[in-house]
Amino acid sequence: MVEVNFSGNFLSAENCKANDVGVFVDEGTLNERSKNGKTWNQLSISVEVGEKKYNHSFRSSEGKRFQEAYGKETKNWIGKKFKITFIPYVDNEKKIQQGIELVPEVDIESPKEVSSVQT
């Protein structure tokens, strides 16, 4: 009999809280995945949240958000911060579960004062 342990070292709703802030600690690796005859590369990257290190694998939409915020070269992400949000999803048994999604934490400049135009 094979005894399995799926807890691993992956960032999940079980080991973080909503609004926790984390940081990327390496540039990650691309891992080839396949399902139902389709093959793709999935980014797996090391992150630190609350002084603990975890791995995180991006969904496509999540990764694109970080690419827009921090650029295509993940080595430039090292030291960049993100915020954790919780998202609900329906599992295979049709039960609602909590998943996580990372959101870039970028510095947003204050809007510049707009001068009124006199007519």
Protein backbone atom coordinates (compact mmCIF):
# COMPACT_ATOMS: atom_id res chain seq x y z
CA MET A 1 0.00 0.00 0.00
CA VAL A 2 1.23 3.50 -0.85
CA GLU A 3 0.73 6.22 1.72
CA VAL A 4 0.63 9.71 0.22
CA ASN A 5 1.04 13.15 1.67
CA PHE A 6 -0.16 16.03 -0.48
CA SER A 7 0.53 18.85 1.98
CA GLY A 8 3.94 19.48 0.43
CA ASN A 9 5.55 22.86 0.39
CA PHE A 10 3.02 24.64 -1.83
CA LEU A 11 1.41 27.92 -0.90
CA SER A 12 -2.26 27.20 -0.18
CA ALA A 13 -5.30 28.42 1.73
CA GLU A 14 -4.23 26.13 4.59
CA ASN A 15 -0.90 27.87 5.23
CA CYS A 16 -1.65 31.55 4.63
CA LYS A 17 -4.33 34.18 5.28
CA ALA A 18 -6.12 36.58 2.98
CA ASN A 19 -4.18 39.84 2.59
CA ASP A 20 -0.88 38.27 3.67
CA VAL A 21 2.01 39.89 1.81
CA GLY A 22 4.73 37.75 0.32
CA VAL A 23 7.85 38.18 -1.78
CA PHE A 24 9.41 36.27 -4.69
CA VAL A 25 12.75 34.71 -3.71
CA ASP A 26 13.91 33.18 -7.01
CA GLU A 27 13.16 33.28 -10.73
CA GLY A 28 11.37 29.92 -10.71
CA THR A 29 11.32 27.08 -13.22
CA LEU A 30 9.08 26.10 -16.12
CA ASN A 31 7.61 22.63 -15.74
CA GLU A 32 6.00 20.84 -18.66
CA ARG A 33 2.44 19.72 -17.90
CA SER A 34 -0.06 17.78 -19.99
CA LYS A 35 -3.72 16.88 -19.68
CA ASN A 36 -6.25 15.57 -22.15
CA GLY A 37 -3.70 15.64 -24.97
CA LYS A 38 -2.69 19.28 -24.35
CA THR A 39 0.81 20.22 -23.21
CA TRP A 40 1.92 23.50 -21.66
CA ASN A 41 4.66 25.00 -19.49
CA GLN A 42 3.70 26.03 -15.99
CA LEU A 43 5.78 28.44 -13.92
CA SER A 44 6.67 27.24 -10.43
CA ILE A 45 8.37 29.89 -8.29
CA SER A 46 9.64 30.11 -4.71
CA VAL A 47 7.97 32.66 -2.46
CA GLU A 48 8.32 33.71 1.15
CA VAL A 49 5.30 34.50 3.31
CA GLY A 50 5.78 35.26 7.00
CA GLU A 51 9.38 33.98 7.04
CA LYS A 52 8.39 30.60 5.56
CA LYS A 53 9.30 29.51 2.04
CA TYR A 54 6.76 27.91 -0.29
CA ASN A 55 6.40 27.03 -3.96
CA HIS A 56 3.64 28.56 -6.07
CA SER A 57 2.45 27.49 -9.52
CA PHE A 58 0.63 30.11 -11.56
CA ARG A 59 -2.59 29.76 -13.47
CA SER A 60 -2.40 31.50 -16.84
CA SER A 61 -4.47 34.57 -15.93
CA GLU A 62 -2.59 35.03 -12.67
CA GLY A 63 0.80 34.79 -14.40
CA LYS A 64 -0.22 37.30 -17.07
CA ARG A 65 -1.11 39.80 -14.34
CA PHE A 66 2.41 39.53 -12.90
CA GLN A 67 3.96 39.72 -16.34
CA GLU A 68 2.17 43.04 -16.91
CA ALA A 69 3.21 44.36 -13.49
CA TYR A 70 6.82 43.14 -13.27
CA GLY A 71 7.83 42.18 -16.84
CA LYS A 72 8.49 38.95 -18.75
CA GLU A 73 11.84 38.14 -17.11
CA THR A 74 11.06 36.44 -13.80
CA LYS A 75 14.56 37.17 -12.49
CA ASN A 76 13.30 40.77 -12.25
CA TRP A 77 10.50 39.58 -9.93
CA ILE A 78 12.94 38.62 -7.17
CA GLY A 79 12.23 40.84 -4.16
CA LYS A 80 8.89 42.02 -5.60
CA LYS A 81 5.87 41.79 -3.31
CA PHE A 82 2.43 40.31 -3.78
CA LYS A 83 -0.78 40.10 -1.78
CA ILE A 84 -2.72 36.88 -1.23
CA THR A 85 -6.44 36.81 -1.96
CA PHE A 86 -8.84 33.92 -1.48
CA ILE A 87 -11.07 32.76 -4.32
CA PRO A 88 -13.83 30.16 -4.13
CA TYR A 89 -13.89 27.21 -6.52
CA VAL A 90 -15.98 24.05 -6.91
CA ASP A 91 -14.03 20.81 -6.47
CA ASN A 92 -14.64 17.44 -8.19
CA GLU A 93 -17.19 16.52 -5.53
CA LYS A 94 -19.11 19.76 -6.25
CA LYS A 95 -18.13 21.27 -2.90
CA ILE A 96 -17.07 24.89 -2.60
CA GLN A 97 -13.43 25.22 -1.54
CA GLN A 98 -11.10 28.16 -0.94
CA GLY A 99 -8.20 28.65 -3.32
CA ILE A 100 -5.62 31.40 -3.38
CA GLU A 101 -4.63 33.92 -5.98
CA LEU A 102 -1.61 36.18 -5.85
CA VAL A 103 -2.02 39.84 -6.76
CA PRO A 104 0.95 42.10 -7.58
CA GLU A 105 1.55 44.74 -4.97
CA VAL A 106 2.76 47.65 -7.03
CA ASP A 107 3.42 51.20 -5.95
CA ILE A 108 0.64 53.40 -7.24
CA GLU A 109 1.38 57.07 -7.57
CA SER A 110 -1.13 59.51 -6.14
CA PRO A 111 -3.19 61.13 -8.87
CA LYS A 112 -1.80 64.47 -9.87
CA GLU A 113 -3.98 67.44 -9.12
CA VAL A 114 -5.94 68.48 -12.18
CA SER A 115 -6.12 72.21 -12.66
CA SER A 116 -9.50 73.58 -13.55
CA VAL A 117 -9.87 75.01 -16.98
CA GLN A 118 -11.56 78.39 -17.23
CA THR A 119 -13.72 79.16 -20.19
